[in-house]
Structures are given as C-alpha cells and as structure tokens.
C-alpha cells in the first residue's frame, strides 16, 4: 500500500501459464502467460473506494515478480511519453479521425517532443515551456531544430 496524492493505493499481480495447445483462437499459439493487475484505491477525503482490473497477455513465461516489473516499465513509458504528448500538445483532443493522418500527426508530435528534449540549454524547463519559448524566439527555435537534427544525424551513422 502506498500513499500518494491524497489517496491510498495498492496493487496485486497474478499470472497464469498458458499451454500453447489450449490457445483460445488461431494465431494466439505464442501466448505463454496471462496476467492481471488488481489495483485498489481509497480517496482519503471522501473515503471513496475503487478496484480496477487490468489484464495482459504475454509471449514470455512470467513469474508474478517479472510480470509486475514489466507492467511498471510499460507505465513508465506511458507516463514519460504519452502523458507529455497529452499535457503539452493536447494529443487527446486531436479531432483527426483519418488513420493515416492521425499517424502522421502523432509522428510529428513525437519528433517535436524529442527535439525539445534534446535541446538542453534550458534544463529546468518542461516541454510546454520550451514550446512557448520557441514561439517567442526564433533563435531558440533554431537551437531546438539544430539539436534535434544533430541527434537524428548521429543515429544515421
């Protein structure tokens, strides 16, 4: 049990091995384990309680410890990238419903976030703040573009 943001939270993980012979449908024969994370939450102010179940399938044979670690790693990625995209670029409010268009815009957002992260002269500034500075200063925008493109060219070599 942990105490964060005015609430008590706890999680329990369970896994089950899957026999490939008992795959639920065609194409699922690589599944090696199924897991569930049961999350408990209690708001301290209102005493409102909730339980959340999240189910996962995996092609790896996982113990509860490895499964819990994999789930935490997944949410670390979710929190470090997707939350930034939603908070700084309102990605969740994007009205594009054309799959190709949405994918292209998402790729441009990812590129922009990575370029903003690469530019380090404003170390304590978040992505949203760096965006605002880019809007106000073409010199800073140029530094962001140069830092990002330099990093991209390193990856090509």
N, C-alpha and C. Protein backbone atom coordinates (compact mmCIF):
# COMPACT_ATOMS: atom_id res chain seq x y z
N UNK A 1 0.85 -1.18 0.00
CA UNK A 1 0.00 0.00 0.00
C UNK A 1 0.89 1.24 0.00
N UNK A 2 0.59 2.19 -0.86
CA UNK A 2 1.33 3.45 -0.89
C UNK A 2 0.34 4.61 -0.72
N UNK A 3 0.87 5.74 -0.30
CA UNK A 3 0.04 6.91 -0.09
C UNK A 3 0.53 8.02 -1.01
N UNK A 4 -0.28 8.38 -1.99
CA UNK A 4 0.08 9.41 -2.96
C UNK A 4 -1.13 10.28 -3.26
N UNK A 5 -0.89 11.56 -3.46
CA UNK A 5 -1.92 12.49 -3.95
C UNK A 5 -3.23 12.39 -3.17
N UNK A 6 -3.15 12.25 -1.87
CA UNK A 6 -4.35 12.22 -1.05
C UNK A 6 -5.14 10.92 -1.14
N UNK A 7 -4.47 9.86 -1.52
CA UNK A 7 -5.18 8.58 -1.61
C UNK A 7 -4.24 7.44 -1.23
N UNK A 8 -4.85 6.37 -0.78
CA UNK A 8 -4.12 5.12 -0.52
C UNK A 8 -4.28 4.24 -1.75
N UNK A 9 -3.18 3.64 -2.18
CA UNK A 9 -3.23 2.77 -3.35
C UNK A 9 -2.47 1.49 -3.08
N UNK A 10 -2.92 0.44 -3.71
CA UNK A 10 -2.21 -0.83 -3.63
C UNK A 10 -2.46 -1.64 -4.89
N UNK A 11 -1.54 -2.53 -5.20
CA UNK A 11 -1.67 -3.38 -6.38
C UNK A 11 -1.27 -4.80 -6.05
N UNK A 12 -1.94 -5.73 -6.69
CA UNK A 12 -1.60 -7.14 -6.56
C UNK A 12 -1.54 -7.70 -7.98
N UNK A 13 -0.52 -8.54 -8.25
CA UNK A 13 -0.36 -9.13 -9.58
C UNK A 13 -0.49 -10.65 -9.49
N UNK A 14 -1.14 -11.20 -10.47
CA UNK A 14 -1.26 -12.66 -10.59
C UNK A 14 -0.96 -13.04 -12.03
N UNK A 15 -0.32 -14.18 -12.21
CA UNK A 15 -0.08 -14.70 -13.56
C UNK A 15 -0.49 -16.16 -13.63
N UNK A 16 -0.82 -16.57 -14.84
CA UNK A 16 -1.14 -17.97 -15.11
C UNK A 16 -0.36 -18.40 -16.36
N UNK A 17 0.27 -19.56 -16.32
CA UNK A 17 0.91 -20.06 -17.54
C UNK A 17 -0.17 -20.51 -18.53
N UNK A 18 0.14 -20.42 -19.81
CA UNK A 18 -0.81 -20.84 -20.85
C UNK A 18 -0.18 -21.97 -21.64
N UNK A 19 -0.92 -23.04 -21.79
CA UNK A 19 -0.48 -24.16 -22.61
C UNK A 19 -0.78 -23.81 -24.07
N UNK A 20 0.24 -23.80 -24.95
CA UNK A 20 0.01 -23.44 -26.36
C UNK A 20 -1.07 -24.29 -27.03
N UNK A 21 -1.24 -25.50 -26.56
CA UNK A 21 -2.26 -26.39 -27.12
C UNK A 21 -3.67 -25.88 -26.82
N UNK A 22 -3.79 -25.03 -25.81
CA UNK A 22 -5.11 -24.53 -25.41
C UNK A 22 -5.30 -23.06 -25.78
N UNK A 23 -4.62 -22.62 -26.83
CA UNK A 23 -4.76 -21.23 -27.28
C UNK A 23 -6.22 -20.94 -27.59
N UNK A 24 -6.72 -19.78 -27.16
CA UNK A 24 -8.14 -19.50 -27.34
C UNK A 24 -8.59 -19.36 -28.79
N UNK A 25 -7.68 -18.98 -29.69
CA UNK A 25 -8.05 -18.89 -31.10
C UNK A 25 -6.80 -18.97 -31.97
N UNK A 26 -7.01 -19.12 -33.26
CA UNK A 26 -5.89 -19.25 -34.19
C UNK A 26 -5.00 -18.00 -34.14
N UNK A 27 -3.69 -18.22 -34.21
CA UNK A 27 -2.75 -17.11 -34.18
C UNK A 27 -2.31 -16.72 -32.78
N UNK A 28 -2.91 -17.32 -31.77
CA UNK A 28 -2.56 -16.98 -30.39
C UNK A 28 -1.67 -18.07 -29.77
N UNK A 29 -1.09 -18.91 -30.59
CA UNK A 29 -0.32 -20.04 -30.07
C UNK A 29 1.00 -19.64 -29.44
N UNK A 30 1.42 -18.36 -29.57
CA UNK A 30 2.67 -17.90 -28.93
C UNK A 30 2.45 -17.38 -27.51
N UNK A 31 1.22 -17.31 -27.07
CA UNK A 31 0.94 -16.82 -25.71
C UNK A 31 1.50 -17.81 -24.70
N UNK A 32 2.31 -17.29 -23.77
CA UNK A 32 2.90 -18.15 -22.74
C UNK A 32 2.31 -17.88 -21.36
N UNK A 33 1.79 -16.65 -21.15
CA UNK A 33 1.20 -16.35 -19.84
C UNK A 33 0.14 -15.26 -19.96
N UNK A 34 -0.75 -15.28 -18.99
CA UNK A 34 -1.80 -14.28 -18.85
C UNK A 34 -1.62 -13.69 -17.46
N UNK A 35 -1.77 -12.37 -17.37
CA UNK A 35 -1.62 -11.73 -16.07
C UNK A 35 -2.73 -10.73 -15.80
N UNK A 36 -2.92 -10.45 -14.53
CA UNK A 36 -3.88 -9.43 -14.13
C UNK A 36 -3.25 -8.59 -13.02
N UNK A 37 -3.47 -7.29 -13.10
CA UNK A 37 -3.07 -6.39 -12.02
C UNK A 37 -4.37 -5.88 -11.41
N UNK A 38 -4.52 -6.08 -10.13
CA UNK A 38 -5.70 -5.59 -9.43
C UNK A 38 -5.26 -4.39 -8.61
N UNK A 39 -5.81 -3.24 -8.95
CA UNK A 39 -5.45 -2.01 -8.27
C UNK A 39 -6.55 -1.57 -7.30
N UNK A 40 -6.15 -1.26 -6.09
CA UNK A 40 -7.09 -0.80 -5.06
C UNK A 40 -6.79 0.66 -4.78
N UNK A 41 -7.83 1.46 -4.62
CA UNK A 41 -7.63 2.89 -4.35
C UNK A 41 -8.70 3.37 -3.36
N UNK A 42 -8.25 4.22 -2.42
CA UNK A 42 -9.18 4.84 -1.46
C UNK A 42 -8.81 6.31 -1.35
N UNK A 43 -9.77 7.18 -1.67
CA UNK A 43 -9.57 8.62 -1.52
C UNK A 43 -9.70 8.96 -0.04
N UNK A 44 -8.68 9.62 0.51
CA UNK A 44 -8.67 9.91 1.95
C UNK A 44 -9.75 10.92 2.34
N UNK A 45 -10.05 11.86 1.47
CA UNK A 45 -11.04 12.89 1.82
C UNK A 45 -12.46 12.36 1.79
N UNK A 46 -12.80 11.65 0.72
CA UNK A 46 -14.18 11.20 0.53
C UNK A 46 -14.42 9.77 0.96
N UNK A 47 -13.34 9.05 1.25
CA UNK A 47 -13.39 7.62 1.57
C UNK A 47 -13.98 6.79 0.42
N UNK A 48 -13.98 7.35 -0.80
CA UNK A 48 -14.45 6.61 -1.96
C UNK A 48 -13.42 5.54 -2.29
N UNK A 49 -13.92 4.34 -2.50
CA UNK A 49 -13.05 3.19 -2.78
C UNK A 49 -13.33 2.65 -4.17
N UNK A 50 -12.27 2.17 -4.83
CA UNK A 50 -12.45 1.58 -6.15
C UNK A 50 -11.45 0.45 -6.35
N UNK A 51 -11.84 -0.44 -7.24
CA UNK A 51 -10.98 -1.56 -7.62
C UNK A 51 -10.92 -1.56 -9.15
N UNK A 52 -9.71 -1.74 -9.68
CA UNK A 52 -9.52 -1.73 -11.13
C UNK A 52 -8.77 -3.00 -11.53
N UNK A 53 -9.24 -3.65 -12.57
CA UNK A 53 -8.60 -4.85 -13.09
C UNK A 53 -8.00 -4.53 -14.46
N UNK A 54 -6.71 -4.84 -14.65
CA UNK A 54 -6.06 -4.68 -15.95
C UNK A 54 -5.47 -6.03 -16.34
N UNK A 55 -5.86 -6.50 -17.51
CA UNK A 55 -5.44 -7.82 -17.97
C UNK A 55 -4.38 -7.70 -19.05
N UNK A 56 -3.44 -8.65 -19.07
CA UNK A 56 -2.35 -8.63 -20.03
C UNK A 56 -2.12 -10.05 -20.55
N UNK A 57 -1.65 -10.13 -21.80
CA UNK A 57 -1.20 -11.40 -22.35
C UNK A 57 0.27 -11.22 -22.74
N UNK A 58 1.04 -12.31 -22.68
CA UNK A 58 2.46 -12.19 -22.96
C UNK A 58 2.97 -13.43 -23.69
N UNK A 59 3.96 -13.22 -24.54
CA UNK A 59 4.62 -14.34 -25.21
C UNK A 59 5.80 -14.84 -24.39
N UNK A 60 5.97 -14.29 -23.18
CA UNK A 60 7.05 -14.74 -22.28
C UNK A 60 6.42 -15.48 -21.10
N UNK A 61 7.17 -16.45 -20.57
CA UNK A 61 6.74 -17.12 -19.35
C UNK A 61 7.13 -16.22 -18.18
N UNK A 62 6.14 -15.66 -17.49
CA UNK A 62 6.41 -14.66 -16.47
C UNK A 62 6.00 -15.13 -15.07
N UNK A 63 6.88 -14.88 -14.12
CA UNK A 63 6.50 -15.04 -12.71
C UNK A 63 5.78 -13.76 -12.31
N UNK A 64 5.17 -13.74 -11.14
CA UNK A 64 4.50 -12.52 -10.68
C UNK A 64 5.49 -11.35 -10.57
N UNK A 65 6.71 -11.64 -10.12
CA UNK A 65 7.71 -10.57 -9.95
C UNK A 65 8.10 -9.98 -11.31
N UNK A 66 8.40 -10.83 -12.28
CA UNK A 66 8.76 -10.34 -13.62
C UNK A 66 7.58 -9.64 -14.28
N UNK A 67 6.39 -10.18 -14.08
CA UNK A 67 5.19 -9.57 -14.64
C UNK A 67 4.97 -8.17 -14.07
N UNK A 68 5.08 -8.03 -12.75
CA UNK A 68 4.90 -6.73 -12.10
C UNK A 68 5.94 -5.73 -12.63
N UNK A 69 7.17 -6.18 -12.79
CA UNK A 69 8.22 -5.32 -13.31
C UNK A 69 7.92 -4.88 -14.74
N UNK A 70 7.45 -5.79 -15.58
CA UNK A 70 7.11 -5.46 -16.96
C UNK A 70 5.97 -4.45 -17.03
N UNK A 71 4.97 -4.63 -16.18
CA UNK A 71 3.84 -3.70 -16.16
C UNK A 71 4.30 -2.32 -15.72
N UNK A 72 5.14 -2.26 -14.68
CA UNK A 72 5.64 -0.96 -14.20
C UNK A 72 6.47 -0.28 -15.29
N UNK A 73 7.28 -1.06 -16.02
CA UNK A 73 8.08 -0.50 -17.12
C UNK A 73 7.18 0.07 -18.20
N UNK A 74 6.12 -0.66 -18.53
CA UNK A 74 5.16 -0.18 -19.53
C UNK A 74 4.56 1.15 -19.12
N UNK A 75 4.14 1.26 -17.86
CA UNK A 75 3.52 2.50 -17.40
C UNK A 75 4.55 3.61 -17.28
N UNK A 76 5.83 3.28 -17.07
CA UNK A 76 6.87 4.30 -17.09
C UNK A 76 6.97 4.95 -18.46
N UNK A 77 6.88 4.12 -19.50
CA UNK A 77 6.89 4.65 -20.87
C UNK A 77 5.64 5.48 -21.11
N UNK A 78 4.51 4.95 -20.70
CA UNK A 78 3.24 5.67 -20.86
C UNK A 78 3.32 7.04 -20.19
N UNK A 79 3.83 7.08 -18.98
CA UNK A 79 3.88 8.34 -18.25
C UNK A 79 4.92 9.30 -18.79
N UNK A 80 6.06 8.78 -19.28
CA UNK A 80 7.11 9.69 -19.73
C UNK A 80 6.89 10.21 -21.14
N UNK A 81 6.20 9.49 -21.99
CA UNK A 81 5.99 9.97 -23.35
C UNK A 81 4.54 10.39 -23.58
N UNK A 82 3.61 9.48 -23.39
CA UNK A 82 2.23 9.77 -23.76
C UNK A 82 1.61 10.87 -22.90
N UNK A 83 1.95 10.91 -21.63
CA UNK A 83 1.43 11.97 -20.78
C UNK A 83 1.96 13.31 -21.26
N UNK A 84 3.25 13.37 -21.63
CA UNK A 84 3.85 14.61 -22.12
C UNK A 84 3.13 15.06 -23.39
N UNK A 85 2.87 14.12 -24.30
CA UNK A 85 2.18 14.48 -25.54
C UNK A 85 0.78 15.00 -25.25
N UNK A 86 0.10 14.40 -24.31
CA UNK A 86 -1.25 14.84 -23.99
C UNK A 86 -1.24 16.18 -23.27
N UNK A 87 -0.33 16.34 -22.30
CA UNK A 87 -0.30 17.57 -21.49
C UNK A 87 0.25 18.76 -22.27
N UNK A 88 1.27 18.54 -23.10
CA UNK A 88 1.91 19.68 -23.77
C UNK A 88 1.33 19.96 -25.16
N UNK A 89 0.76 18.94 -25.79
CA UNK A 89 0.28 19.14 -27.16
C UNK A 89 -1.19 18.77 -27.34
N UNK A 90 -1.90 18.53 -26.24
CA UNK A 90 -3.33 18.20 -26.28
C UNK A 90 -3.64 17.06 -27.25
N UNK A 91 -2.78 16.04 -27.25
CA UNK A 91 -2.94 14.94 -28.20
C UNK A 91 -4.30 14.26 -28.06
N UNK A 92 -4.80 14.17 -26.84
CA UNK A 92 -6.10 13.52 -26.62
C UNK A 92 -7.26 14.27 -27.23
N UNK A 93 -7.09 15.55 -27.53
CA UNK A 93 -8.16 16.37 -28.11
C UNK A 93 -8.07 16.47 -29.63
N UNK A 94 -7.15 15.74 -30.24
CA UNK A 94 -6.94 15.82 -31.69
C UNK A 94 -8.17 15.29 -32.43
N UNK A 95 -8.80 16.11 -33.30
CA UNK A 95 -10.02 15.66 -33.97
C UNK A 95 -9.77 14.82 -35.23
N UNK A 96 -8.52 14.58 -35.58
CA UNK A 96 -8.22 13.82 -36.81
C UNK A 96 -8.66 12.38 -36.62
N UNK A 97 -9.56 11.92 -37.50
CA UNK A 97 -10.00 10.53 -37.38
C UNK A 97 -9.59 9.68 -38.58
N UNK A 98 -8.89 10.28 -39.52
CA UNK A 98 -8.31 9.53 -40.62
C UNK A 98 -7.07 8.83 -40.07
N UNK A 99 -7.00 7.51 -40.18
CA UNK A 99 -5.90 6.76 -39.57
C UNK A 99 -4.53 7.22 -40.06
N UNK A 100 -4.37 7.41 -41.37
CA UNK A 100 -3.07 7.84 -41.89
C UNK A 100 -2.73 9.24 -41.40
N UNK A 101 -3.71 10.12 -41.40
CA UNK A 101 -3.48 11.49 -40.94
C UNK A 101 -3.13 11.53 -39.47
N UNK A 102 -3.85 10.77 -38.66
CA UNK A 102 -3.59 10.74 -37.22
C UNK A 102 -2.18 10.19 -36.95
N UNK A 103 -1.78 9.16 -37.69
CA UNK A 103 -0.45 8.58 -37.52
C UNK A 103 0.64 9.59 -37.88
N UNK A 104 0.44 10.31 -38.98
CA UNK A 104 1.44 11.30 -39.41
C UNK A 104 1.56 12.44 -38.40
N UNK A 105 0.43 12.92 -37.89
CA UNK A 105 0.47 14.00 -36.89
C UNK A 105 1.12 13.50 -35.60
N UNK A 106 0.82 12.26 -35.20
CA UNK A 106 1.43 11.69 -33.99
C UNK A 106 2.94 11.57 -34.16
N UNK A 107 3.39 11.18 -35.34
CA UNK A 107 4.83 11.08 -35.59
C UNK A 107 5.49 12.46 -35.51
N UNK A 108 4.82 13.48 -36.02
CA UNK A 108 5.37 14.84 -35.94
C UNK A 108 5.43 15.31 -34.49
N UNK A 109 4.42 14.97 -33.69
CA UNK A 109 4.45 15.33 -32.26
C UNK A 109 5.60 14.64 -31.56
N UNK A 110 5.78 13.34 -31.84
CA UNK A 110 6.90 12.59 -31.23
C UNK A 110 8.23 13.24 -31.59
N UNK A 111 8.39 13.59 -32.86
CA UNK A 111 9.61 14.23 -33.32
C UNK A 111 9.83 15.56 -32.59
N UNK A 112 8.76 16.35 -32.47
CA UNK A 112 8.87 17.65 -31.80
C UNK A 112 9.26 17.48 -30.33
N UNK A 113 8.64 16.54 -29.63
CA UNK A 113 8.96 16.31 -28.21
C UNK A 113 10.41 15.87 -28.07
N UNK A 114 10.86 14.97 -28.93
CA UNK A 114 12.25 14.50 -28.85
C UNK A 114 13.24 15.62 -29.16
N UNK A 115 12.91 16.49 -30.10
CA UNK A 115 13.79 17.63 -30.40
C UNK A 115 13.84 18.59 -29.22
N UNK A 116 12.69 18.85 -28.61
CA UNK A 116 12.66 19.74 -27.44
C UNK A 116 13.45 19.15 -26.28
N UNK A 117 13.37 17.83 -26.10
CA UNK A 117 14.14 17.18 -25.03
C UNK A 117 15.63 17.23 -25.30
N UNK A 118 16.02 17.15 -26.57
CA UNK A 118 17.43 17.13 -26.93
C UNK A 118 18.11 18.47 -26.65
N UNK A 119 17.40 19.56 -26.83
CA UNK A 119 17.97 20.89 -26.58
C UNK A 119 18.03 21.09 -25.07
N UNK A 120 19.24 21.29 -24.53
CA UNK A 120 19.43 21.27 -23.08
C UNK A 120 19.88 22.59 -22.46
N UNK A 121 19.86 23.70 -23.20
CA UNK A 121 20.30 24.95 -22.56
C UNK A 121 19.29 25.42 -21.52
N UNK A 122 18.05 25.03 -21.64
CA UNK A 122 17.02 25.37 -20.66
C UNK A 122 16.66 24.08 -19.91
N UNK A 123 17.60 23.57 -19.12
CA UNK A 123 17.49 22.25 -18.48
C UNK A 123 16.28 22.10 -17.58
N UNK A 124 15.91 23.14 -16.87
CA UNK A 124 14.82 23.02 -15.91
C UNK A 124 13.46 23.32 -16.51
N UNK A 125 13.44 23.63 -17.79
CA UNK A 125 12.17 23.94 -18.45
C UNK A 125 11.52 22.66 -18.97
N UNK A 126 10.21 22.58 -18.80
CA UNK A 126 9.47 21.45 -19.34
C UNK A 126 9.18 21.65 -20.82
N UNK A 127 8.58 20.64 -21.42
CA UNK A 127 8.29 20.65 -22.85
C UNK A 127 7.36 21.82 -23.20
N UNK A 128 6.32 22.01 -22.41
CA UNK A 128 5.36 23.08 -22.70
C UNK A 128 6.05 24.46 -22.66
N UNK A 129 6.90 24.66 -21.68
CA UNK A 129 7.63 25.94 -21.56
C UNK A 129 8.57 26.14 -22.75
N UNK A 130 9.28 25.06 -23.14
CA UNK A 130 10.18 25.16 -24.28
C UNK A 130 9.39 25.49 -25.56
N UNK A 131 8.19 24.93 -25.70
CA UNK A 131 7.35 25.25 -26.85
C UNK A 131 7.04 26.74 -26.89
N UNK A 132 6.67 27.29 -25.74
CA UNK A 132 6.33 28.72 -25.67
C UNK A 132 7.53 29.58 -26.04
N UNK A 133 8.71 29.18 -25.55
CA UNK A 133 9.91 29.95 -25.88
C UNK A 133 10.18 29.87 -27.38
N UNK A 134 9.96 28.70 -27.99
CA UNK A 134 10.13 28.57 -29.45
C UNK A 134 9.19 29.51 -30.20
N UNK A 135 7.96 29.66 -29.69
CA UNK A 135 7.00 30.56 -30.34
C UNK A 135 7.45 32.02 -30.26
N UNK A 136 8.16 32.36 -29.20
CA UNK A 136 8.56 33.76 -28.98
C UNK A 136 9.95 34.09 -29.49
N UNK A 137 10.78 33.07 -29.71
CA UNK A 137 12.18 33.34 -30.07
C UNK A 137 12.63 32.43 -31.20
N UNK A 138 12.86 33.03 -32.36
CA UNK A 138 13.35 32.21 -33.48
C UNK A 138 14.77 31.70 -33.22
N UNK A 139 15.54 32.43 -32.39
CA UNK A 139 16.88 31.95 -32.04
C UNK A 139 16.79 30.64 -31.26
N UNK A 140 15.87 30.59 -30.31
CA UNK A 140 15.73 29.36 -29.52
C UNK A 140 15.15 28.24 -30.38
N UNK A 141 14.18 28.57 -31.23
CA UNK A 141 13.62 27.57 -32.15
C UNK A 141 14.74 26.97 -33.00
N UNK A 142 15.63 27.81 -33.47
CA UNK A 142 16.76 27.33 -34.28
C UNK A 142 17.65 26.39 -33.46
N UNK A 143 17.90 26.72 -32.18
CA UNK A 143 18.72 25.84 -31.32
C UNK A 143 18.05 24.48 -31.15
N UNK A 144 16.71 24.48 -30.99
CA UNK A 144 15.97 23.22 -30.84
C UNK A 144 16.09 22.40 -32.12
N UNK A 145 15.89 23.02 -33.26
CA UNK A 145 15.98 22.30 -34.53
C UNK A 145 17.38 21.75 -34.78
N UNK A 146 18.40 22.55 -34.50
CA UNK A 146 19.78 22.10 -34.69
C UNK A 146 20.10 20.93 -33.75
N UNK A 147 19.70 21.05 -32.48
CA UNK A 147 19.95 19.96 -31.52
C UNK A 147 19.25 18.68 -31.96
N UNK A 148 18.00 18.80 -32.39
CA UNK A 148 17.24 17.63 -32.82
C UNK A 148 17.80 17.00 -34.07
N UNK A 149 18.11 17.81 -35.06
CA UNK A 149 18.64 17.28 -36.32
C UNK A 149 20.04 16.70 -36.13
N UNK A 150 20.83 17.29 -35.24
CA UNK A 150 22.16 16.73 -34.93
C UNK A 150 22.00 15.35 -34.31
N UNK A 151 21.06 15.21 -33.41
CA UNK A 151 20.82 13.91 -32.76
C UNK A 151 20.34 12.89 -33.78
N UNK A 152 19.46 13.30 -34.69
CA UNK A 152 18.97 12.39 -35.73
C UNK A 152 20.13 11.95 -36.63
N UNK A 153 21.01 12.88 -37.01
CA UNK A 153 22.12 12.51 -37.89
C UNK A 153 23.10 11.57 -37.19
N UNK A 154 23.22 11.65 -35.87
CA UNK A 154 24.07 10.70 -35.12
C UNK A 154 23.54 9.29 -35.28
N UNK A 155 22.21 9.15 -35.24
CA UNK A 155 21.58 7.83 -35.35
C UNK A 155 21.72 7.21 -36.72
N UNK A 156 21.94 8.03 -37.73
CA UNK A 156 22.07 7.51 -39.10
C UNK A 156 23.47 6.96 -39.37
N UNK A 157 24.46 7.35 -38.58
CA UNK A 157 25.84 6.92 -38.83
C UNK A 157 26.13 5.58 -38.24
